[in-house]
PDB file of all heavy atoms in Angstrom:
ATOM      1  N   ASP A   1     133.006 138.776  60.643  1.00  0.00           N
ATOM      2  CA  ASP A   1     133.945 138.381  61.681  1.00  0.00           C
ATOM      3  C   ASP A   1     133.188 138.117  62.992  1.00  0.00           C
ATOM      4  O   ASP A   1     131.962 138.056  63.023  1.00  0.00           O
ATOM      5  CB  ASP A   1     135.027 139.443  61.857  1.00  0.00           C
ATOM      6  CG  ASP A   1     134.478 140.811  62.194  1.00  0.00           C
ATOM      7  OD1 ASP A   1     133.294 140.938  62.511  1.00  0.00           O
ATOM      8  OD2 ASP A   1     135.253 141.782  62.147  1.00  0.00           O
ATOM      9  N   LEU A   2     133.949 137.988  64.054  1.00  0.00           N
ATOM     10  CA  LEU A   2     133.382 137.660  65.362  1.00  0.00           C
ATOM     11  C   LEU A   2     132.395 138.719  65.850  1.00  0.00           C
ATOM     12  O   LEU A   2     131.374 138.403  66.434  1.00  0.00           O
ATOM     13  CB  LEU A   2     134.532 137.481  66.366  1.00  0.00           C
ATOM     14  CG  LEU A   2     134.197 136.980  67.764  1.00  0.00           C
ATOM     15  CD1 LEU A   2     133.468 135.650  67.703  1.00  0.00           C
ATOM     16  CD2 LEU A   2     135.462 136.853  68.591  1.00  0.00           C
ATOM     17  N   PHE A   3     132.701 139.998  65.604  1.00  0.00           N
ATOM     18  CA  PHE A   3     131.822 141.067  66.043  1.00  0.00           C
ATOM     19  C   PHE A   3     130.450 140.944  65.356  1.00  0.00           C
ATOM     20  O   PHE A   3     129.422 141.094  65.998  1.00  0.00           O
ATOM     21  CB  PHE A   3     132.442 142.441  65.754  1.00  0.00           C
ATOM     22  CG  PHE A   3     131.564 143.590  66.147  1.00  0.00           C
ATOM     23  CD1 PHE A   3     131.468 143.973  67.472  1.00  0.00           C
ATOM     24  CD2 PHE A   3     130.812 144.261  65.204  1.00  0.00           C
ATOM     25  CE1 PHE A   3     130.648 145.022  67.855  1.00  0.00           C
ATOM     26  CE2 PHE A   3     129.992 145.311  65.572  1.00  0.00           C
ATOM     27  CZ  PHE A   3     129.902 145.697  66.893  1.00  0.00           C
ATOM     28  N   ASP A   4     130.466 140.674  64.053  1.00  0.00           N
ATOM     29  CA  ASP A   4     129.196 140.536  63.317  1.00  0.00           C
ATOM     30  C   ASP A   4     128.359 139.389  63.886  1.00  0.00           C
ATOM     31  O   ASP A   4     127.139 139.504  64.019  1.00  0.00           O
ATOM     32  CB  ASP A   4     129.459 140.291  61.831  1.00  0.00           C
ATOM     33  CG  ASP A   4     130.108 141.482  61.164  1.00  0.00           C
ATOM     34  OD1 ASP A   4     129.641 142.614  61.394  1.00  0.00           O
ATOM     35  OD2 ASP A   4     131.091 141.290  60.430  1.00  0.00           O
ATOM     36  N   GLU A   5     129.023 138.288  64.202  1.00  0.00           N
ATOM     37  CA  GLU A   5     128.306 137.148  64.789  1.00  0.00           C
ATOM     38  C   GLU A   5     127.716 137.508  66.145  1.00  0.00           C
ATOM     39  O   GLU A   5     126.602 137.136  66.470  1.00  0.00           O
ATOM     40  CB  GLU A   5     129.244 135.947  64.909  1.00  0.00           C
ATOM     41  CG  GLU A   5     129.660 135.378  63.573  1.00  0.00           C
ATOM     42  CD  GLU A   5     130.740 134.346  63.684  1.00  0.00           C
ATOM     43  OE1 GLU A   5     130.995 133.839  64.808  1.00  0.00           O
ATOM     44  OE2 GLU A   5     131.354 134.008  62.655  1.00  0.00           O
ATOM     45  N   LEU A   6     128.486 138.240  66.959  1.00  0.00           N
ATOM     46  CA  LEU A   6     127.986 138.655  68.271  1.00  0.00           C
ATOM     47  C   LEU A   6     126.767 139.550  68.146  1.00  0.00           C
ATOM     48  O   LEU A   6     125.763 139.354  68.827  1.00  0.00           O
ATOM     49  CB  LEU A   6     129.068 139.406  69.054  1.00  0.00           C
ATOM     50  CG  LEU A   6     129.995 138.605  69.929  1.00  0.00           C
ATOM     51  CD1 LEU A   6     131.013 139.516  70.592  1.00  0.00           C
ATOM     52  CD2 LEU A   6     129.256 137.831  70.973  1.00  0.00           C
ATOM     53  N   VAL A   7     126.849 140.560  67.281  1.00  0.00           N
ATOM     54  CA  VAL A   7     125.744 141.511  67.119  1.00  0.00           C
ATOM     55  C   VAL A   7     124.508 140.795  66.566  1.00  0.00           C
ATOM     56  O   VAL A   7     123.380 141.085  66.989  1.00  0.00           O
ATOM     57  CB  VAL A   7     126.175 142.678  66.199  1.00  0.00           C
ATOM     58  CG1 VAL A   7     124.983 143.513  65.797  1.00  0.00           C
ATOM     59  CG2 VAL A   7     127.197 143.547  66.903  1.00  0.00           C
ATOM     60  N   ALA A   8     124.715 139.859  65.659  1.00  0.00           N
ATOM     61  CA  ALA A   8     123.580 139.209  65.004  1.00  0.00           C
ATOM     62  C   ALA A   8     122.943 138.095  65.854  1.00  0.00           C
ATOM     63  O   ALA A   8     121.721 137.955  65.870  1.00  0.00           O
ATOM     64  CB  ALA A   8     124.014 138.635  63.670  1.00  0.00           C
ATOM     65  N   PHE A   9     123.760 137.325  66.539  1.00  0.00           N
ATOM     66  CA  PHE A   9     123.236 136.113  67.158  1.00  0.00           C
ATOM     67  C   PHE A   9     123.389 136.002  68.672  1.00  0.00           C
ATOM     68  O   PHE A   9     122.722 135.192  69.301  1.00  0.00           O
ATOM     69  CB  PHE A   9     123.896 134.874  66.516  1.00  0.00           C
ATOM     70  CG  PHE A   9     123.817 134.857  65.037  1.00  0.00           C
ATOM     71  CD1 PHE A   9     124.964 134.917  64.264  1.00  0.00           C
ATOM     72  CD2 PHE A   9     122.594 134.803  64.374  1.00  0.00           C
ATOM     73  CE1 PHE A   9     124.892 134.903  62.882  1.00  0.00           C
ATOM     74  CE2 PHE A   9     122.509 134.786  62.997  1.00  0.00           C
ATOM     75  CZ  PHE A   9     123.663 134.839  62.242  1.00  0.00           C
ATOM     76  N   GLU A  10     124.272 136.783  69.265  1.00  0.00           N
ATOM     77  CA  GLU A  10     124.596 136.579  70.679  1.00  0.00           C
ATOM     78  C   GLU A  10     124.104 137.657  71.636  1.00  0.00           C
ATOM     79  O   GLU A  10     124.320 137.558  72.827  1.00  0.00           O
ATOM     80  CB  GLU A  10     126.119 136.445  70.835  1.00  0.00           C
ATOM     81  CG  GLU A  10     126.727 135.317  70.047  1.00  0.00           C
ATOM     82  CD  GLU A  10     126.557 133.969  70.710  1.00  0.00           C
ATOM     83  OE1 GLU A  10     126.393 133.916  71.933  1.00  0.00           O
ATOM     84  OE2 GLU A  10     126.565 132.972  69.968  1.00  0.00           O
ATOM     85  N   VAL A  11     123.461 138.710  71.150  1.00  0.00           N
ATOM     86  CA  VAL A  11     123.054 139.804  72.029  1.00  0.00           C
ATOM     87  C   VAL A  11     122.068 139.327  73.087  1.00  0.00           C
ATOM     88  O   VAL A  11     122.162 139.729  74.262  1.00  0.00           O
ATOM     89  CB  VAL A  11     122.507 140.993  71.215  1.00  0.00           C
ATOM     90  CG1 VAL A  11     121.963 142.075  72.127  1.00  0.00           C
ATOM     91  CG2 VAL A  11     123.599 141.577  70.340  1.00  0.00           C
ATOM     92  N   GLU A  12     121.151 138.472  72.719  1.00  0.00           N
ATOM     93  CA  GLU A  12     120.184 137.948  73.707  1.00  0.00           C
ATOM     94  C   GLU A  12     120.910 137.119  74.757  1.00  0.00           C
ATOM     95  O   GLU A  12     120.570 137.178  75.940  1.00  0.00           O
ATOM     96  CB  GLU A  12     119.107 137.124  72.994  1.00  0.00           C
ATOM     97  CG  GLU A  12     118.227 137.939  72.060  1.00  0.00           C
ATOM     98  CD  GLU A  12     117.560 139.127  72.747  1.00  0.00           C
ATOM     99  OE1 GLU A  12     117.084 138.978  73.890  1.00  0.00           O
ATOM    100  OE2 GLU A  12     117.540 140.219  72.144  1.00  0.00           O
ATOM    101  N   ARG A  13     121.912 136.354  74.354  1.00  0.00           N
ATOM    102  CA  ARG A  13     122.688 135.565  75.311  1.00  0.00           C
ATOM    103  C   ARG A  13     123.424 136.490  76.281  1.00  0.00           C
ATOM    104  O   ARG A  13     123.466 136.236  77.482  1.00  0.00           O
ATOM    105  CB  ARG A  13     123.681 134.685  74.561  1.00  0.00           C
ATOM    106  CG  ARG A  13     124.607 133.912  75.474  1.00  0.00           C
ATOM    107  CD  ARG A  13     125.625 133.109  74.700  1.00  0.00           C
ATOM    108  NE  ARG A  13     126.557 132.452  75.596  1.00  0.00           N
ATOM    109  CZ  ARG A  13     127.559 131.713  75.210  1.00  0.00           C
ATOM    110  NH1 ARG A  13     127.772 131.502  73.941  1.00  0.00           N
ATOM    111  NH2 ARG A  13     128.364 131.167  76.091  1.00  0.00           N
ATOM    112  N   ILE A  14     123.985 137.569  75.739  1.00  0.00           N
ATOM    113  CA  ILE A  14     124.709 138.523  76.588  1.00  0.00           C
ATOM    114  C   ILE A  14     123.768 139.136  77.605  1.00  0.00           C
ATOM    115  O   ILE A  14     124.114 139.264  78.783  1.00  0.00           O
ATOM    116  CB  ILE A  14     125.393 139.599  75.704  1.00  0.00           C
ATOM    117  CG1 ILE A  14     126.514 138.977  74.876  1.00  0.00           C
ATOM    118  CG2 ILE A  14     125.919 140.730  76.548  1.00  0.00           C
ATOM    119  CD1 ILE A  14     127.100 139.886  73.823  1.00  0.00           C
ATOM    120  N   LYS A  15     122.550 139.514  77.170  1.00  0.00           N
ATOM    121  CA  LYS A  15     121.571 140.081  78.099  1.00  0.00           C
ATOM    122  C   LYS A  15     121.171 139.071  79.169  1.00  0.00           C
ATOM    123  O   LYS A  15     121.017 139.423  80.333  1.00  0.00           O
ATOM    124  CB  LYS A  15     120.338 140.554  77.347  1.00  0.00           C
ATOM    125  CG  LYS A  15     120.519 141.817  76.579  1.00  0.00           C
ATOM    126  CD  LYS A  15     119.250 142.232  75.879  1.00  0.00           C
ATOM    127  CE  LYS A  15     119.462 143.464  75.035  1.00  0.00           C
ATOM    128  NZ  LYS A  15     118.271 143.817  74.258  1.00  0.00           N
ATOM    129  N   ALA A  16     121.004 137.814  78.779  1.00  0.00           N
ATOM    130  CA  ALA A  16     120.610 136.783  79.744  1.00  0.00           C
ATOM    131  C   ALA A  16     121.711 136.520  80.769  1.00  0.00           C
ATOM    132  O   ALA A  16     121.424 136.132  81.904  1.00  0.00           O
ATOM    133  CB  ALA A  16     120.265 135.488  79.007  1.00  0.00           C
ATOM    134  N   GLU A  17     122.952 136.725  80.385  1.00  0.00           N
ATOM    135  CA  GLU A  17     124.071 136.461  81.289  1.00  0.00           C
ATOM    136  C   GLU A  17     124.354 137.586  82.264  1.00  0.00           C
ATOM    137  O   GLU A  17     125.185 137.434  83.161  1.00  0.00           O
ATOM    138  CB  GLU A  17     125.345 136.198  80.461  1.00  0.00           C
ATOM    139  CG  GLU A  17     125.311 134.905  79.690  1.00  0.00           C
ATOM    140  CD  GLU A  17     126.486 134.770  78.751  1.00  0.00           C
ATOM    141  OE1 GLU A  17     127.223 135.747  78.553  1.00  0.00           O
ATOM    142  OE2 GLU A  17     126.654 133.678  78.210  1.00  0.00           O
ATOM    143  N   GLU A  18     123.685 138.736  82.115  1.00  0.00           N
ATOM    144  CA  GLU A  18     123.962 139.891  82.965  1.00  0.00           C
ATOM    145  C   GLU A  18     123.822 139.565  84.450  1.00  0.00           C
ATOM    146  O   GLU A  18     124.569 140.067  85.267  1.00  0.00           O
ATOM    147  CB  GLU A  18     123.090 141.067  82.579  1.00  0.00           C
ATOM    148  CG  GLU A  18     123.527 141.760  81.311  1.00  0.00           C
ATOM    149  CD  GLU A  18     122.637 142.918  80.943  1.00  0.00           C
ATOM    150  OE1 GLU A  18     121.693 143.230  81.678  1.00  0.00           O
ATOM    151  OE2 GLU A  18     122.882 143.521  79.889  1.00  0.00           O
ATOM    152  N   GLY A  19     122.867 138.756  84.802  1.00  0.00           N
ATOM    153  CA  GLY A  19     122.674 138.446  86.225  1.00  0.00           C
ATOM    154  C   GLY A  19     123.404 137.194  86.677  1.00  0.00           C
ATOM    155  O   GLY A  19     123.272 136.794  87.829  1.00  0.00           O
ATOM    156  N   ASN A  20     124.182 136.565  85.804  1.00  0.00           N
ATOM    157  CA  ASN A  20     124.879 135.338  86.142  1.00  0.00           C
ATOM    158  C   ASN A  20     126.366 135.462  85.818  1.00  0.00           C
ATOM    159  O   ASN A  20     126.805 135.107  84.730  1.00  0.00           O
ATOM    160  CB  ASN A  20     124.239 134.179  85.350  1.00  0.00           C
ATOM    161  CG  ASN A  20     124.680 132.828  85.852  1.00  0.00           C
ATOM    162  OD1 ASN A  20     125.687 132.707  86.533  1.00  0.00           O
ATOM    163  ND2 ASN A  20     123.907 131.810  85.492  1.00  0.00           N
ATOM    164  N   PRO A  21     127.174 135.951  86.784  1.00  0.00           N
ATOM    165  CA  PRO A  21     128.613 136.166  86.531  1.00  0.00           C
ATOM    166  C   PRO A  21     129.380 134.923  86.053  1.00  0.00           C
ATOM    167  O   PRO A  21     130.209 135.052  85.169  1.00  0.00           O
ATOM    168  CB  PRO A  21     129.146 136.667  87.868  1.00  0.00           C
ATOM    169  CG  PRO A  21     127.960 137.276  88.529  1.00  0.00           C
ATOM    170  CD  PRO A  21     126.777 136.452  88.090  1.00  0.00           C
ATOM    171  N   PRO A  22     129.120 133.709  86.584  1.00  0.00           N
ATOM    172  CA  PRO A  22     129.887 132.558  86.061  1.00  0.00           C
ATOM    173  C   PRO A  22     129.658 132.306  84.552  1.00  0.00           C
ATOM    174  O   PRO A  22     130.590 132.014  83.830  1.00  0.00           O
ATOM    175  CB  PRO A  22     129.382 131.377  86.892  1.00  0.00           C
ATOM    176  CG  PRO A  22     128.875 131.980  88.148  1.00  0.00           C
ATOM    177  CD  PRO A  22     128.323 133.315  87.761  1.00  0.00           C
ATOM    178  N   LYS A  23     128.403 132.466  84.103  1.00  0.00           N
ATOM    179  CA  LYS A  23     128.129 132.294  82.668  1.00  0.00           C
ATOM    180  C   LYS A  23     128.778 133.390  81.859  1.00  0.00           C
ATOM    181  O   LYS A  23     129.296 133.153  80.767  1.00  0.00           O
ATOM    182  CB  LYS A  23     126.615 132.285  82.406  1.00  0.00           C
ATOM    183  CG  LYS A  23     125.949 130.985  82.731  1.00  0.00           C
ATOM    184  CD  LYS A  23     124.510 131.013  82.271  1.00  0.00           C
ATOM    185  CE  LYS A  23     123.857 129.662  82.510  1.00  0.00           C
ATOM    186  NZ  LYS A  23     122.475 129.643  82.028  1.00  0.00           N
ATOM    187  N   MET A  24     128.778 134.617  82.397  1.00  0.00           N
ATOM    188  CA  MET A  24     129.387 135.746  81.702  1.00  0.00           C
ATOM    189  C   MET A  24     130.901 135.505  81.565  1.00  0.00           C
ATOM    190  O   MET A  24     131.456 135.715  80.493  1.00  0.00           O
ATOM    191  CB  MET A  24     129.126 137.037  82.480  1.00  0.00           C
ATOM    192  CG  MET A  24     129.498 138.266  81.721  1.00  0.00           C
ATOM    193  SD  MET A  24     129.162 139.870  82.531  1.00  0.00           S
ATOM    194  CE  MET A  24     128.138 139.515  83.902  1.00  0.00           C
ATOM    195  N   ILE A  25     131.529 135.056  82.629  1.00  0.00           N
ATOM    196  CA  ILE A  25     132.977 134.794  82.587  1.00  0.00           C
ATOM    197  C   ILE A  25     133.281 133.674  81.601  1.00  0.00           C
ATOM    198  O   ILE A  25     134.264 133.753  80.855  1.00  0.00           O
ATOM    199  CB  ILE A  25     133.498 134.477  83.997  1.00  0.00           C
ATOM    200  CG1 ILE A  25     133.437 135.735  84.866  1.00  0.00           C
ATOM    201  CG2 ILE A  25     134.916 133.925  83.968  1.00  0.00           C
ATOM    202  CD1 ILE A  25     133.709 135.524  86.333  1.00  0.00           C
ATOM    203  N   LYS A  26     132.428 132.662  81.587  1.00  0.00           N
ATOM    204  CA  LYS A  26     132.631 131.554  80.642  1.00  0.00           C
ATOM    205  C   LYS A  26     132.545 132.067  79.197  1.00  0.00           C
ATOM    206  O   LYS A  26     133.379 131.690  78.355  1.00  0.00           O
ATOM    207  CB  LYS A  26     131.586 130.462  80.881  1.00  0.00           C
ATOM    208  CG  LYS A  26     131.738 129.257  79.986  1.00  0.00           C
ATOM    209  CD  LYS A  26     130.666 128.237  80.234  1.00  0.00           C
ATOM    210  CE  LYS A  26     130.851 127.088  79.250  1.00  0.00           C
ATOM    211  NZ  LYS A  26     129.625 126.475  78.865  1.00  0.00           N
ATOM    212  N   HIS A  27     131.567 132.916  78.922  1.00  0.00           N
ATOM    213  CA  HIS A  27     131.428 133.460  77.562  1.00  0.00           C
ATOM    214  C   HIS A  27     132.603 134.347  77.210  1.00  0.00           C
ATOM    215  O   HIS A  27     133.103 134.297  76.068  1.00  0.00           O
ATOM    216  CB  HIS A  27     130.110 134.244  77.444  1.00  0.00           C
ATOM    217  CG  HIS A  27     129.799 134.655  76.043  1.00  0.00           C
ATOM    218  ND1 HIS A  27     129.432 135.943  75.736  1.00  0.00           N
ATOM    219  CD2 HIS A  27     129.776 133.966  74.875  1.00  0.00           C
ATOM    220  CE1 HIS A  27     129.223 136.020  74.437  1.00  0.00           C
ATOM    221  NE2 HIS A  27     129.429 134.835  73.898  1.00  0.00           N
ATOM    222  N   VAL A  28     133.081 135.151  78.152  1.00  0.00           N
ATOM    223  CA  VAL A  28     134.243 136.014  77.896  1.00  0.00           C
ATOM    224  C   VAL A  28     135.459 135.143  77.574  1.00  0.00           C
ATOM    225  O   VAL A  28     136.225 135.446  76.647  1.00  0.00           O
ATOM    226  CB  VAL A  28     134.516 136.923  79.114  1.00  0.00           C
ATOM    227  CG1 VAL A  28     135.898 137.552  79.025  1.00  0.00           C
ATOM    228  CG2 VAL A  28     133.461 138.004  79.223  1.00  0.00           C
ATOM    229  N   ARG A  29     135.618 134.058  78.280  1.00  0.00           N
ATOM    230  CA  ARG A  29     136.764 133.158  78.017  1.00  0.00           C
ATOM    231  C   ARG A  29     136.630 132.478  76.645  1.00  0.00           C
ATOM    232  O   ARG A  29     137.623 132.282  75.957  1.00  0.00           O
ATOM    233  CB  ARG A  29     136.898 132.134  79.132  1.00  0.00           C
ATOM    234  CG  ARG A  29     137.408 132.791  80.400  1.00  0.00           C
ATOM    235  CD  ARG A  29     137.910 131.821  81.409  1.00  0.00           C
ATOM    236  NE  ARG A  29     138.507 132.565  82.519  1.00  0.00           N
ATOM    237  CZ  ARG A  29     138.286 132.315  83.785  1.00  0.00           C
ATOM    238  NH1 ARG A  29     137.488 131.323  84.132  1.00  0.00           N
ATOM    239  NH2 ARG A  29     138.863 133.030  84.717  1.00  0.00           N
ATOM    240  N   GLU A  30     135.413 132.128  76.261  1.00  0.00           N
ATOM    241  CA  GLU A  30     135.194 131.539  74.932  1.00  0.00           C
ATOM    242  C   GLU A  30     135.566 132.558  73.849  1.00  0.00           C
ATOM    243  O   GLU A  30     136.220 132.213  72.872  1.00  0.00           O
ATOM    244  CB  GLU A  30     133.726 131.120  74.753  1.00  0.00           C
ATOM    245  CG  GLU A  30     133.317 129.918  75.550  1.00  0.00           C
ATOM    246  CD  GLU A  30     131.812 129.682  75.524  1.00  0.00           C
ATOM    247  OE1 GLU A  30     131.072 130.401  74.806  1.00  0.00           O
ATOM    248  OE2 GLU A  30     131.355 128.759  76.229  1.00  0.00           O
ATOM    249  N   LEU A  31     135.115 133.797  74.033  1.00  0.00           N
ATOM    250  CA  LEU A  31     135.445 134.844  73.067  1.00  0.00           C
ATOM    251  C   LEU A  31     136.950 135.087  73.010  1.00  0.00           C
ATOM    252  O   LEU A  31     137.527 135.273  71.929  1.00  0.00           O
ATOM    253  CB  LEU A  31     134.719 136.144  73.404  1.00  0.00           C
ATOM    254  CG  LEU A  31     133.210 136.161  73.192  1.00  0.00           C
ATOM    255  CD1 LEU A  31     132.610 137.454  73.729  1.00  0.00           C
ATOM    256  CD2 LEU A  31     132.870 135.973  71.734  1.00  0.00           C
ATOM    257  N   ALA A  32     137.588 135.096  74.188  1.00  0.00           N
ATOM    258  CA  ALA A  32     139.033 135.307  74.255  1.00  0.00           C
ATOM    259  C   ALA A  32     139.757 134.186  73.502  1.00  0.00           C
ATOM    260  O   ALA A  32     140.746 134.434  72.781  1.00  0.00           O
ATOM    261  CB  ALA A  32     139.509 135.377  75.703  1.00  0.00           C
ATOM    262  N   GLU A  33     139.279 132.976  73.648  1.00  0.00           N
ATOM    263  CA  GLU A  33     139.876 131.842  72.933  1.00  0.00           C
ATOM    264  C   GLU A  33     139.715 132.003  71.407  1.00  0.00           C
ATOM    265  O   GLU A  33     140.646 131.751  70.657  1.00  0.00           O
ATOM    266  CB  GLU A  33     139.228 130.533  73.388  1.00  0.00           C
ATOM    267  CG  GLU A  33     139.834 129.299  72.785  1.00  0.00           C
ATOM    268  CD  GLU A  33     141.253 129.031  73.241  1.00  0.00           C
ATOM    269  OE1 GLU A  33     141.623 129.426  74.369  1.00  0.00           O
ATOM    270  OE2 GLU A  33     142.007 128.434  72.449  1.00  0.00           O
ATOM    271  N   GLN A  34     138.554 132.463  70.980  1.00  0.00           N
ATOM    272  CA  GLN A  34     138.335 132.715  69.549  1.00  0.00           C
ATOM    273  C   GLN A  34     139.244 133.827  69.047  1.00  0.00           C
ATOM    274  O   GLN A  34     139.793 133.727  67.938  1.00  0.00           O
ATOM    275  CB  GLN A  34     136.878 133.058  69.280  1.00  0.00           C
ATOM    276  CG  GLN A  34     135.954 131.867  69.370  1.00  0.00           C
ATOM    277  CD  GLN A  34     134.513 132.266  69.110  1.00  0.00           C
ATOM    278  OE1 GLN A  34     133.973 133.107  69.813  1.00  0.00           O
ATOM    279  NE2 GLN A  34     133.932 131.665  68.106  1.00  0.00           N
ATOM    280  N   LEU A  35     139.401 134.885  69.828  1.00  0.00           N
ATOM    281  CA  LEU A  35     140.296 135.970  69.446  1.00  0.00           C
ATOM    282  C   LEU A  35     141.727 135.467  69.309  1.00  0.00           C
ATOM    283  O   LEU A  35     142.462 135.816  68.377  1.00  0.00           O
ATOM    284  CB  LEU A  35     140.241 137.117  70.462  1.00  0.00           C
ATOM    285  CG  LEU A  35     138.956 137.946  70.458  1.00  0.00           C
ATOM    286  CD1 LEU A  35     138.920 138.864  71.672  1.00  0.00           C
ATOM    287  CD2 LEU A  35     138.857 138.756  69.177  1.00  0.00           C
ATOM    288  N   PHE A  36     142.137 134.612  70.258  1.00  0.00           N
ATOM    289  CA  PHE A  36     143.491 134.054  70.211  1.00  0.00           C
ATOM    290  C   PHE A  36     143.676 133.183  68.977  1.00  0.00           C
ATOM    291  O   PHE A  36     144.687 133.275  68.284  1.00  0.00           O
ATOM    292  CB  PHE A  36     143.757 133.240  71.486  1.00  0.00           C
ATOM    293  CG  PHE A  36     145.135 132.618  71.509  1.00  0.00           C
ATOM    294  CD1 PHE A  36     146.240 133.409  71.784  1.00  0.00           C
ATOM    295  CD2 PHE A  36     145.313 131.267  71.249  1.00  0.00           C
ATOM    296  CE1 PHE A  36     147.508 132.848  71.802  1.00  0.00           C
ATOM    297  CE2 PHE A  36     146.580 130.713  71.251  1.00  0.00           C
ATOM    298  CZ  PHE A  36     147.678 131.503  71.525  1.00  0.00           C
ATOM    299  N   LYS A  37     142.679 132.363  68.657  1.00  0.00           N
ATOM    300  CA  LYS A  37     142.777 131.489  67.482  1.00  0.00           C
ATOM    301  C   LYS A  37     142.792 132.301  66.193  1.00  0.00           C
ATOM    302  O   LYS A  37     143.455 131.920  65.235  1.00  0.00           O
ATOM    303  CB  LYS A  37     141.596 130.502  67.450  1.00  0.00           C
ATOM    304  CG  LYS A  37     141.744 129.379  68.446  1.00  0.00           C
ATOM    305  CD  LYS A  37     140.565 128.441  68.385  1.00  0.00           C
ATOM    306  CE  LYS A  37     140.694 127.366  69.436  1.00  0.00           C
ATOM    307  NZ  LYS A  37     139.512 126.495  69.462  1.00  0.00           N
ATOM    308  N   ASN A  38     142.065 133.429  66.165  1.00  0.00           N
ATOM    309  CA  ASN A  38     142.080 134.284  64.971  1.00  0.00           C
ATOM    310  C   ASN A  38     143.464 134.878  64.733  1.00  0.00           C
ATOM    311  O   ASN A  38     143.875 135.063  63.607  1.00  0.00           O
ATOM    312  CB  ASN A  38     141.061 135.406  65.086  1.00  0.00           C
ATOM    313  CG  ASN A  38     139.655 134.929  64.900  1.00  0.00           C
ATOM    314  OD1 ASN A  38     139.402 133.820  64.454  1.00  0.00           O
ATOM    315  ND2 ASN A  38     138.710 135.766  65.265  1.00  0.00           N
ATOM    316  N   GLU A  39     144.169 135.202  65.820  1.00  0.00           N
ATOM    317  CA  GLU A  39     145.484 135.816  65.684  1.00  0.00           C
ATOM    318  C   GLU A  39     146.588 134.790  65.513  1.00  0.00           C
ATOM    319  O   GLU A  39     147.640 135.076  64.971  1.00  0.00           O
ATOM    320  CB  GLU A  39     145.783 136.699  66.895  1.00  0.00           C
ATOM    321  CG  GLU A  39     144.940 137.941  66.927  1.00  0.00           C
ATOM    322  CD  GLU A  39     145.241 138.805  68.121  1.00  0.00           C
ATOM    323  OE1 GLU A  39     146.210 138.543  68.833  1.00  0.00           O
ATOM    324  OE2 GLU A  39     144.478 139.757  68.338  1.00  0.00           O
ATOM    325  N   ASN A  40     146.371 133.575  66.030  1.00  0.00           N
ATOM    326  CA  ASN A  40     147.384 132.510  65.959  1.00  0.00           C
ATOM    327  C   ASN A  40     146.749 131.252  65.364  1.00  0.00           C
ATOM    328  O   ASN A  40     146.458 130.309  66.089  1.00  0.00           O
ATOM    329  CB  ASN A  40     147.920 132.199  67.353  1.00  0.00           C
ATOM    330  CG  ASN A  40     148.486 133.417  68.024  1.00  0.00           C
ATOM    331  OD1 ASN A  40     149.343 134.067  67.481  1.00  0.00           O
ATOM    332  ND2 ASN A  40     147.988 133.724  69.200  1.00  0.00           N
TER     333      ASN A  40
END
């Protein structure tokens, strides 16, 4: 699922975004959209 993909492939991206709030917010919104699509 989405968590497995995050742990396997996105951890470096998450670390790189720590100092850049706009990128972090963009990634959070992308994840939120995926969560919404999974439920609907």
